[in-house]
Amino acid sequence: MSRCQCCDKRLSDYELTLRHAMTNEFMDTCMDCLSEIAESVPLMVKGRKDLLVSMEDHASSVDNEIELDKDQEM
């Protein structure tokens, strides 16, 4: 079980797959914290679309702040 580096919340399956689009490093950060960070720093992350089901509503609310490459396969 992995936890968010910022708030220590348990990460969902989708959040566990999130990688930085340029460095390909795992983000290890929840969507809530990523959206907060994205308010100050532009972020491009990619994750597995098939795991997005439970996060779909939340992800659509932060699409303007975090550019998700939902078609990227790991």
PDB file of N, CA and C in Angstrom:
ATOM      1  N   MET A   1       0.850  -1.170   0.000  1.00  0.00           N
ATOM      2  CA  MET A   1       0.000   0.000   0.000  1.00  0.00           C
ATOM      3  C   MET A   1       0.903   1.243   0.000  1.00  0.00           C
ATOM      4  N   SER A   2       0.700   2.084  -0.984  1.00  0.00           N
ATOM      5  CA  SER A   2       1.470   3.318  -1.077  1.00  0.00           C
ATOM      6  C   SER A   2       0.624   4.496  -0.648  1.00  0.00           C
ATOM      7  N   ARG A   3       1.307   5.505  -0.188  1.00  0.00           N
ATOM      8  CA  ARG A   3       0.637   6.709   0.295  1.00  0.00           C
ATOM      9  C   ARG A   3       1.186   7.934  -0.410  1.00  0.00           C
ATOM     10  N   CYS A   4       0.360   8.969  -0.440  1.00  0.00           N
ATOM     11  CA  CYS A   4       0.735  10.240  -1.046  1.00  0.00           C
ATOM     12  C   CYS A   4       1.930  10.829  -0.295  1.00  0.00           C
ATOM     13  N   GLN A   5       2.916  11.306  -1.041  1.00  0.00           N
ATOM     14  CA  GLN A   5       4.091  11.918  -0.427  1.00  0.00           C
ATOM     15  C   GLN A   5       3.754  13.222   0.293  1.00  0.00           C
ATOM     16  N   CYS A   6       2.672  13.865  -0.123  1.00  0.00           N
ATOM     17  CA  CYS A   6       2.316  15.163   0.452  1.00  0.00           C
ATOM     18  C   CYS A   6       1.408  15.053   1.674  1.00  0.00           C
ATOM     19  N   CYS A   7       0.327  14.275   1.559  1.00  0.00           N
ATOM     20  CA  CYS A   7      -0.681  14.256   2.628  1.00  0.00           C
ATOM     21  C   CYS A   7      -0.815  12.906   3.335  1.00  0.00           C
ATOM     22  N   ASP A   8      -0.098  11.893   2.857  1.00  0.00           N
ATOM     23  CA  ASP A   8      -0.095  10.555   3.452  1.00  0.00           C
ATOM     24  C   ASP A   8      -1.407   9.794   3.256  1.00  0.00           C
ATOM     25  N   LYS A   9      -2.267  10.269   2.345  1.00  0.00           N
ATOM     26  CA  LYS A   9      -3.504   9.553   2.016  1.00  0.00           C
ATOM     27  C   LYS A   9      -3.155   8.312   1.183  1.00  0.00           C
ATOM     28  N   ARG A  10      -3.912   7.247   1.366  1.00  0.00           N
ATOM     29  CA  ARG A  10      -3.699   6.027   0.578  1.00  0.00           C
ATOM     30  C   ARG A  10      -3.999   6.319  -0.889  1.00  0.00           C
ATOM     31  N   LEU A  11      -3.115   5.893  -1.786  1.00  0.00           N
ATOM     32  CA  LEU A  11      -3.291   6.141  -3.218  1.00  0.00           C
ATOM     33  C   LEU A  11      -4.191   5.090  -3.844  1.00  0.00           C
ATOM     34  N   SER A  12      -5.040   5.534  -4.778  1.00  0.00           N
ATOM     35  CA  SER A  12      -5.902   4.607  -5.530  1.00  0.00           C
ATOM     36  C   SER A  12      -5.045   3.873  -6.551  1.00  0.00           C
ATOM     37  N   ASP A  13      -5.626   2.855  -7.165  1.00  0.00           N
ATOM     38  CA  ASP A  13      -4.907   2.118  -8.209  1.00  0.00           C
ATOM     39  C   ASP A  13      -4.482   3.061  -9.333  1.00  0.00           C
ATOM     40  N   TYR A  14      -5.375   3.963  -9.714  1.00  0.00           N
ATOM     41  CA  TYR A  14      -5.046   4.918 -10.775  1.00  0.00           C
ATOM     42  C   TYR A  14      -3.910   5.851 -10.349  1.00  0.00           C
ATOM     43  N   GLU A  15      -4.007   6.386  -9.155  1.00  0.00           N
ATOM     44  CA  GLU A  15      -2.972   7.310  -8.675  1.00  0.00           C
ATOM     45  C   GLU A  15      -1.610   6.635  -8.600  1.00  0.00           C
ATOM     46  N   LEU A  16      -1.600   5.339  -8.333  1.00  0.00           N
ATOM     47  CA  LEU A  16      -0.345   4.589  -8.295  1.00  0.00           C
ATOM     48  C   LEU A  16       0.333   4.513  -9.655  1.00  0.00           C
ATOM     49  N   THR A  17      -0.442   4.670 -10.738  1.00  0.00           N
ATOM     50  CA  THR A  17       0.140   4.571 -12.084  1.00  0.00           C
ATOM     51  C   THR A  17       0.591   5.917 -12.641  1.00  0.00           C
ATOM     52  N   LEU A  18       0.284   7.006 -11.957  1.00  0.00           N
ATOM     53  CA  LEU A  18       0.609   8.327 -12.490  1.00  0.00           C
ATOM     54  C   LEU A  18       2.111   8.554 -12.544  1.00  0.00           C
ATOM     55  N   ARG A  19       2.565   8.948 -13.726  1.00  0.00           N
ATOM     56  CA  ARG A  19       3.979   9.249 -13.951  1.00  0.00           C
ATOM     57  C   ARG A  19       4.104  10.640 -14.553  1.00  0.00           C
ATOM     58  N   HIS A  20       5.212  11.273 -14.283  1.00  0.00           N
ATOM     59  CA  HIS A  20       5.510  12.556 -14.910  1.00  0.00           C
ATOM     60  C   HIS A  20       5.711  12.296 -16.402  1.00  0.00           C
ATOM     61  N   ALA A  21       5.095  13.084 -17.244  1.00  0.00           N
ATOM     62  CA  ALA A  21       5.108  12.837 -18.688  1.00  0.00           C
ATOM     63  C   ALA A  21       6.497  12.964 -19.307  1.00  0.00           C
ATOM     64  N   MET A  22       7.358  13.793 -18.747  1.00  0.00           N
ATOM     65  CA  MET A  22       8.683  13.980 -19.345  1.00  0.00           C
ATOM     66  C   MET A  22       9.741  13.071 -18.721  1.00  0.00           C
ATOM     67  N   THR A  23       9.734  12.917 -17.408  1.00  0.00           N
ATOM     68  CA  THR A  23      10.775  12.126 -16.735  1.00  0.00           C
ATOM     69  C   THR A  23      10.392  10.667 -16.580  1.00  0.00           C
ATOM     70  N   ASN A  24       9.106  10.383 -16.708  1.00  0.00           N
ATOM     71  CA  ASN A  24       8.553   9.038 -16.556  1.00  0.00           C
ATOM     72  C   ASN A  24       8.689   8.499 -15.124  1.00  0.00           C
ATOM     73  N   GLU A  25       8.970   9.373 -14.167  1.00  0.00           N
ATOM     74  CA  GLU A  25       9.041   8.967 -12.770  1.00  0.00           C
ATOM     75  C   GLU A  25       7.645   8.920 -12.167  1.00  0.00           C
ATOM     76  N   PHE A  26       7.422   7.962 -11.274  1.00  0.00           N
ATOM     77  CA  PHE A  26       6.135   7.887 -10.589  1.00  0.00           C
ATOM     78  C   PHE A  26       5.939   9.140  -9.752  1.00  0.00           C
ATOM     79  N   MET A  27       4.711   9.654  -9.753  1.00  0.00           N
ATOM     80  CA  MET A  27       4.404  10.867  -9.013  1.00  0.00           C
ATOM     81  C   MET A  27       4.223  10.591  -7.516  1.00  0.00           C
ATOM     82  N   ASP A  28       3.666   9.417  -7.155  1.00  0.00           N
ATOM     83  CA  ASP A  28       3.418   9.069  -5.749  1.00  0.00           C
ATOM     84  C   ASP A  28       2.689  10.180  -5.004  1.00  0.00           C
ATOM     85  N   THR A  29       1.707  10.769  -5.694  1.00  0.00           N
ATOM     86  CA  THR A  29       0.944  11.884  -5.147  1.00  0.00           C
ATOM     87  C   THR A  29      -0.524  11.699  -5.532  1.00  0.00           C
ATOM     88  N   CYS A  30      -1.430  11.994  -4.603  1.00  0.00           N
ATOM     89  CA  CYS A  30      -2.856  11.834  -4.889  1.00  0.00           C
ATOM     90  C   CYS A  30      -3.348  12.956  -5.813  1.00  0.00           C
ATOM     91  N   MET A  31      -4.516  12.754  -6.390  1.00  0.00           N
ATOM     92  CA  MET A  31      -5.078  13.742  -7.317  1.00  0.00           C
ATOM     93  C   MET A  31      -5.370  15.068  -6.620  1.00  0.00           C
ATOM     94  N   ASP A  32      -5.798  15.020  -5.372  1.00  0.00           N
ATOM     95  CA  ASP A  32      -6.069  16.255  -4.641  1.00  0.00           C
ATOM     96  C   ASP A  32      -4.796  17.094  -4.510  1.00  0.00           C
ATOM     97  N   CYS A  33      -3.719  16.460  -4.113  1.00  0.00           N
ATOM     98  CA  CYS A  33      -2.452  17.183  -3.955  1.00  0.00           C
ATOM     99  C   CYS A  33      -1.889  17.618  -5.316  1.00  0.00           C
ATOM    100  N   LEU A  34      -2.027  16.766  -6.336  1.00  0.00           N
ATOM    101  CA  LEU A  34      -1.562  17.150  -7.670  1.00  0.00           C
ATOM    102  C   LEU A  34      -2.297  18.381  -8.180  1.00  0.00           C
ATOM    103  N   SER A  35      -3.590  18.456  -7.909  1.00  0.00           N
ATOM    104  CA  SER A  35      -4.348  19.622  -8.370  1.00  0.00           C
ATOM    105  C   SER A  35      -3.908  20.878  -7.627  1.00  0.00           C
ATOM    106  N   GLU A  36      -3.574  20.751  -6.343  1.00  0.00           N
ATOM    107  CA  GLU A  36      -3.060  21.897  -5.580  1.00  0.00           C
ATOM    108  C   GLU A  36      -1.706  22.349  -6.135  1.00  0.00           C
ATOM    109  N   ILE A  37      -0.837  21.397  -6.409  1.00  0.00           N
ATOM    110  CA  ILE A  37       0.485  21.710  -6.956  1.00  0.00           C
ATOM    111  C   ILE A  37       0.348  22.362  -8.319  1.00  0.00           C
ATOM    112  N   ALA A  38      -0.581  21.851  -9.127  1.00  0.00           N
ATOM    113  CA  ALA A  38      -0.761  22.348 -10.493  1.00  0.00           C
ATOM    114  C   ALA A  38      -1.250  23.791 -10.535  1.00  0.00           C
ATOM    115  N   GLU A  39      -1.775  24.294  -9.438  1.00  0.00           N
ATOM    116  CA  GLU A  39      -2.178  25.701  -9.400  1.00  0.00           C
ATOM    117  C   GLU A  39      -0.963  26.618  -9.491  1.00  0.00           C
ATOM    118  N   SER A  40       0.189  26.133  -9.041  1.00  0.00           N
ATOM    119  CA  SER A  40       1.420  26.930  -9.053  1.00  0.00           C
ATOM    120  C   SER A  40       2.408  26.502 -10.132  1.00  0.00           C
ATOM    121  N   VAL A  41       2.435  25.207 -10.403  1.00  0.00           N
ATOM    122  CA  VAL A  41       3.422  24.648 -11.331  1.00  0.00           C
ATOM    123  C   VAL A  41       2.691  23.793 -12.369  1.00  0.00           C
ATOM    124  N   PRO A  42       2.876  24.084 -13.656  1.00  0.00           N
ATOM    125  CA  PRO A  42       2.224  23.248 -14.682  1.00  0.00           C
ATOM    126  C   PRO A  42       2.745  21.804 -14.611  1.00  0.00           C
ATOM    127  N   LEU A  43       1.833  20.848 -14.617  1.00  0.00           N
ATOM    128  CA  LEU A  43       2.200  19.437 -14.551  1.00  0.00           C
ATOM    129  C   LEU A  43       1.613  18.691 -15.736  1.00  0.00           C
ATOM    130  N   MET A  44       2.386  17.772 -16.253  1.00  0.00           N
ATOM    131  CA  MET A  44       1.884  16.851 -17.268  1.00  0.00           C
ATOM    132  C   MET A  44       2.140  15.455 -16.727  1.00  0.00           C
ATOM    133  N   VAL A  45       1.060  14.717 -16.492  1.00  0.00           N
ATOM    134  CA  VAL A  45       1.183  13.360 -15.972  1.00  0.00           C
ATOM    135  C   VAL A  45       0.467  12.398 -16.902  1.00  0.00           C
ATOM    136  N   LYS A  46       0.868  11.136 -16.828  1.00  0.00           N
ATOM    137  CA  LYS A  46       0.189  10.103 -17.609  1.00  0.00           C
ATOM    138  C   LYS A  46      -0.110   8.936 -16.682  1.00  0.00           C
ATOM    139  N   GLY A  47      -1.209   8.252 -16.987  1.00  0.00           N
ATOM    140  CA  GLY A  47      -1.618   7.115 -16.171  1.00  0.00           C
ATOM    141  C   GLY A  47      -2.401   6.131 -17.003  1.00  0.00           C
ATOM    142  N   ARG A  48      -2.778   5.020 -16.398  1.00  0.00           N
ATOM    143  CA  ARG A  48      -3.514   3.981 -17.110  1.00  0.00           C
ATOM    144  C   ARG A  48      -4.991   4.305 -17.156  1.00  0.00           C
ATOM    145  N   LYS A  49      -5.510   4.470 -18.354  1.00  0.00           N
ATOM    146  CA  LYS A  49      -6.912   4.832 -18.566  1.00  0.00           C
ATOM    147  C   LYS A  49      -7.869   3.786 -17.979  1.00  0.00           C
ATOM    148  N   ASP A  50      -7.500   2.527 -18.051  1.00  0.00           N
ATOM    149  CA  ASP A  50      -8.396   1.478 -17.567  1.00  0.00           C
ATOM    150  C   ASP A  50      -8.620   1.540 -16.053  1.00  0.00           C
ATOM    151  N   LEU A  51      -7.749   2.211 -15.325  1.00  0.00           N
ATOM    152  CA  LEU A  51      -7.903   2.341 -13.876  1.00  0.00           C
ATOM    153  C   LEU A  51      -8.556   3.651 -13.471  1.00  0.00           C
ATOM    154  N   LEU A  52      -8.892   4.470 -14.447  1.00  0.00           N
ATOM    155  CA  LEU A  52      -9.446   5.789 -14.184  1.00  0.00           C
ATOM    156  C   LEU A  52     -10.917   5.748 -13.789  1.00  0.00           C
ATOM    157  N   VAL A  53     -11.601   4.636 -13.949  1.00  0.00           N
ATOM    158  CA  VAL A  53     -13.040   4.530 -13.730  1.00  0.00           C
ATOM    159  C   VAL A  53     -13.466   5.162 -12.413  1.00  0.00           C
ATOM    160  N   SER A  54     -12.853   4.796 -11.320  1.00  0.00           N
ATOM    161  CA  SER A  54     -13.269   5.339 -10.030  1.00  0.00           C
ATOM    162  C   SER A  54     -12.844   6.785  -9.840  1.00  0.00           C
ATOM    163  N   MET A  55     -11.893   7.255 -10.627  1.00  0.00           N
ATOM    164  CA  MET A  55     -11.385   8.613 -10.496  1.00  0.00           C
ATOM    165  C   MET A  55     -11.968   9.553 -11.553  1.00  0.00           C
ATOM    166  N   GLU A  56     -12.818   9.059 -12.460  1.00  0.00           N
ATOM    167  CA  GLU A  56     -13.269   9.838 -13.616  1.00  0.00           C
ATOM    168  C   GLU A  56     -13.872  11.188 -13.235  1.00  0.00           C
ATOM    169  N   ASP A  57     -14.782  11.223 -12.281  1.00  0.00           N
ATOM    170  CA  ASP A  57     -15.401  12.486 -11.898  1.00  0.00           C
ATOM    171  C   ASP A  57     -14.371  13.441 -11.318  1.00  0.00           C
ATOM    172  N   HIS A  58     -13.510  12.920 -10.473  1.00  0.00           N
ATOM    173  CA  HIS A  58     -12.493  13.769  -9.858  1.00  0.00           C
ATOM    174  C   HIS A  58     -11.500  14.265 -10.913  1.00  0.00           C
ATOM    175  N   ALA A  59     -11.070  13.396 -11.805  1.00  0.00           N
ATOM    176  CA  ALA A  59     -10.088  13.773 -12.824  1.00  0.00           C
ATOM    177  C   ALA A  59     -10.649  14.833 -13.761  1.00  0.00           C
ATOM    178  N   SER A  60     -11.928  14.742 -14.103  1.00  0.00           N
ATOM    179  CA  SER A  60     -12.499  15.731 -15.009  1.00  0.00           C
ATOM    180  C   SER A  60     -12.567  17.103 -14.360  1.00  0.00           C
ATOM    181  N   SER A  61     -12.635  17.143 -13.040  1.00  0.00           N
ATOM    182  CA  SER A  61     -12.697  18.429 -12.355  1.00  0.00           C
ATOM    183  C   SER A  61     -11.342  19.112 -12.279  1.00  0.00           C
ATOM    184  N   VAL A  62     -10.252  18.352 -12.495  1.00  0.00           N
ATOM    185  CA  VAL A  62      -8.922  18.952 -12.433  1.00  0.00           C
ATOM    186  C   VAL A  62      -8.207  18.938 -13.775  1.00  0.00           C
ATOM    187  N   ASP A  63      -8.897  18.566 -14.853  1.00  0.00           N
ATOM    188  CA  ASP A  63      -8.267  18.517 -16.168  1.00  0.00           C
ATOM    189  C   ASP A  63      -7.660  19.852 -16.573  1.00  0.00           C
ATOM    190  N   ASN A  64      -8.249  20.966 -16.155  1.00  0.00           N
ATOM    191  CA  ASN A  64      -7.692  22.260 -16.519  1.00  0.00           C
ATOM    192  C   ASN A  64      -6.367  22.512 -15.821  1.00  0.00           C
ATOM    193  N   GLU A  65      -6.155  21.900 -14.672  1.00  0.00           N
ATOM    194  CA  GLU A  65      -4.938  22.122 -13.910  1.00  0.00           C
ATOM    195  C   GLU A  65      -3.872  21.080 -14.207  1.00  0.00           C
ATOM    196  N   ILE A  66      -4.283  19.854 -14.441  1.00  0.00           N
ATOM    197  CA  ILE A  66      -3.343  18.767 -14.696  1.00  0.00           C
ATOM    198  C   ILE A  66      -3.682  18.165 -16.048  1.00  0.00           C
ATOM    199  N   GLU A  67      -2.733  18.154 -16.943  1.00  0.00           N
ATOM    200  CA  GLU A  67      -2.975  17.571 -18.249  1.00  0.00           C
ATOM    201  C   GLU A  67      -2.732  16.085 -18.167  1.00  0.00           C
ATOM    202  N   LEU A  68      -3.807  15.296 -18.259  1.00  0.00           N
ATOM    203  CA  LEU A  68      -3.713  13.857 -18.160  1.00  0.00           C
ATOM    204  C   LEU A  68      -3.672  13.244 -19.559  1.00  0.00           C
ATOM    205  N   ASP A  69      -2.683  12.393 -19.796  1.00  0.00           N
ATOM    206  CA  ASP A  69      -2.604  11.671 -21.046  1.00  0.00           C
ATOM    207  C   ASP A  69      -3.298  10.341 -20.820  1.00  0.00           C
ATOM    208  N   LYS A  70      -4.618  10.323 -20.946  1.00  0.00           N
ATOM    209  CA  LYS A  70      -5.432   9.163 -20.592  1.00  0.00           C
ATOM    210  C   LYS A  70      -5.267   8.008 -21.581  1.00  0.00           C
ATOM    211  N   ASP A  71      -4.711   8.249 -22.747  1.00  0.00           N
ATOM    212  CA  ASP A  71      -4.547   7.184 -23.712  1.00  0.00           C
ATOM    213  C   ASP A  71      -3.200   6.491 -23.589  1.00  0.00           C
ATOM    214  N   GLN A  72      -2.340   6.983 -22.743  1.00  0.00           N
ATOM    215  CA  GLN A  72      -1.009   6.424 -22.586  1.00  0.00           C
ATOM    216  C   GLN A  72      -1.090   5.086 -21.878  1.00  0.00           C
ATOM    217  N   GLU A  73      -0.525   4.067 -22.442  1.00  0.00           N
ATOM    218  CA  GLU A  73      -0.466   2.751 -21.822  1.00  0.00           C
ATOM    219  C   GLU A  73       0.889   2.587 -21.168  1.00  0.00           C
ATOM    220  N   MET A  74       0.914   1.929 -20.053  1.00  0.00           N
ATOM    221  CA  MET A  74       2.154   1.729 -19.303  1.00  0.00           C
ATOM    222  C   MET A  74       2.879   0.521 -19.854  1.00  0.00           C
TER     223      MET A  74
END
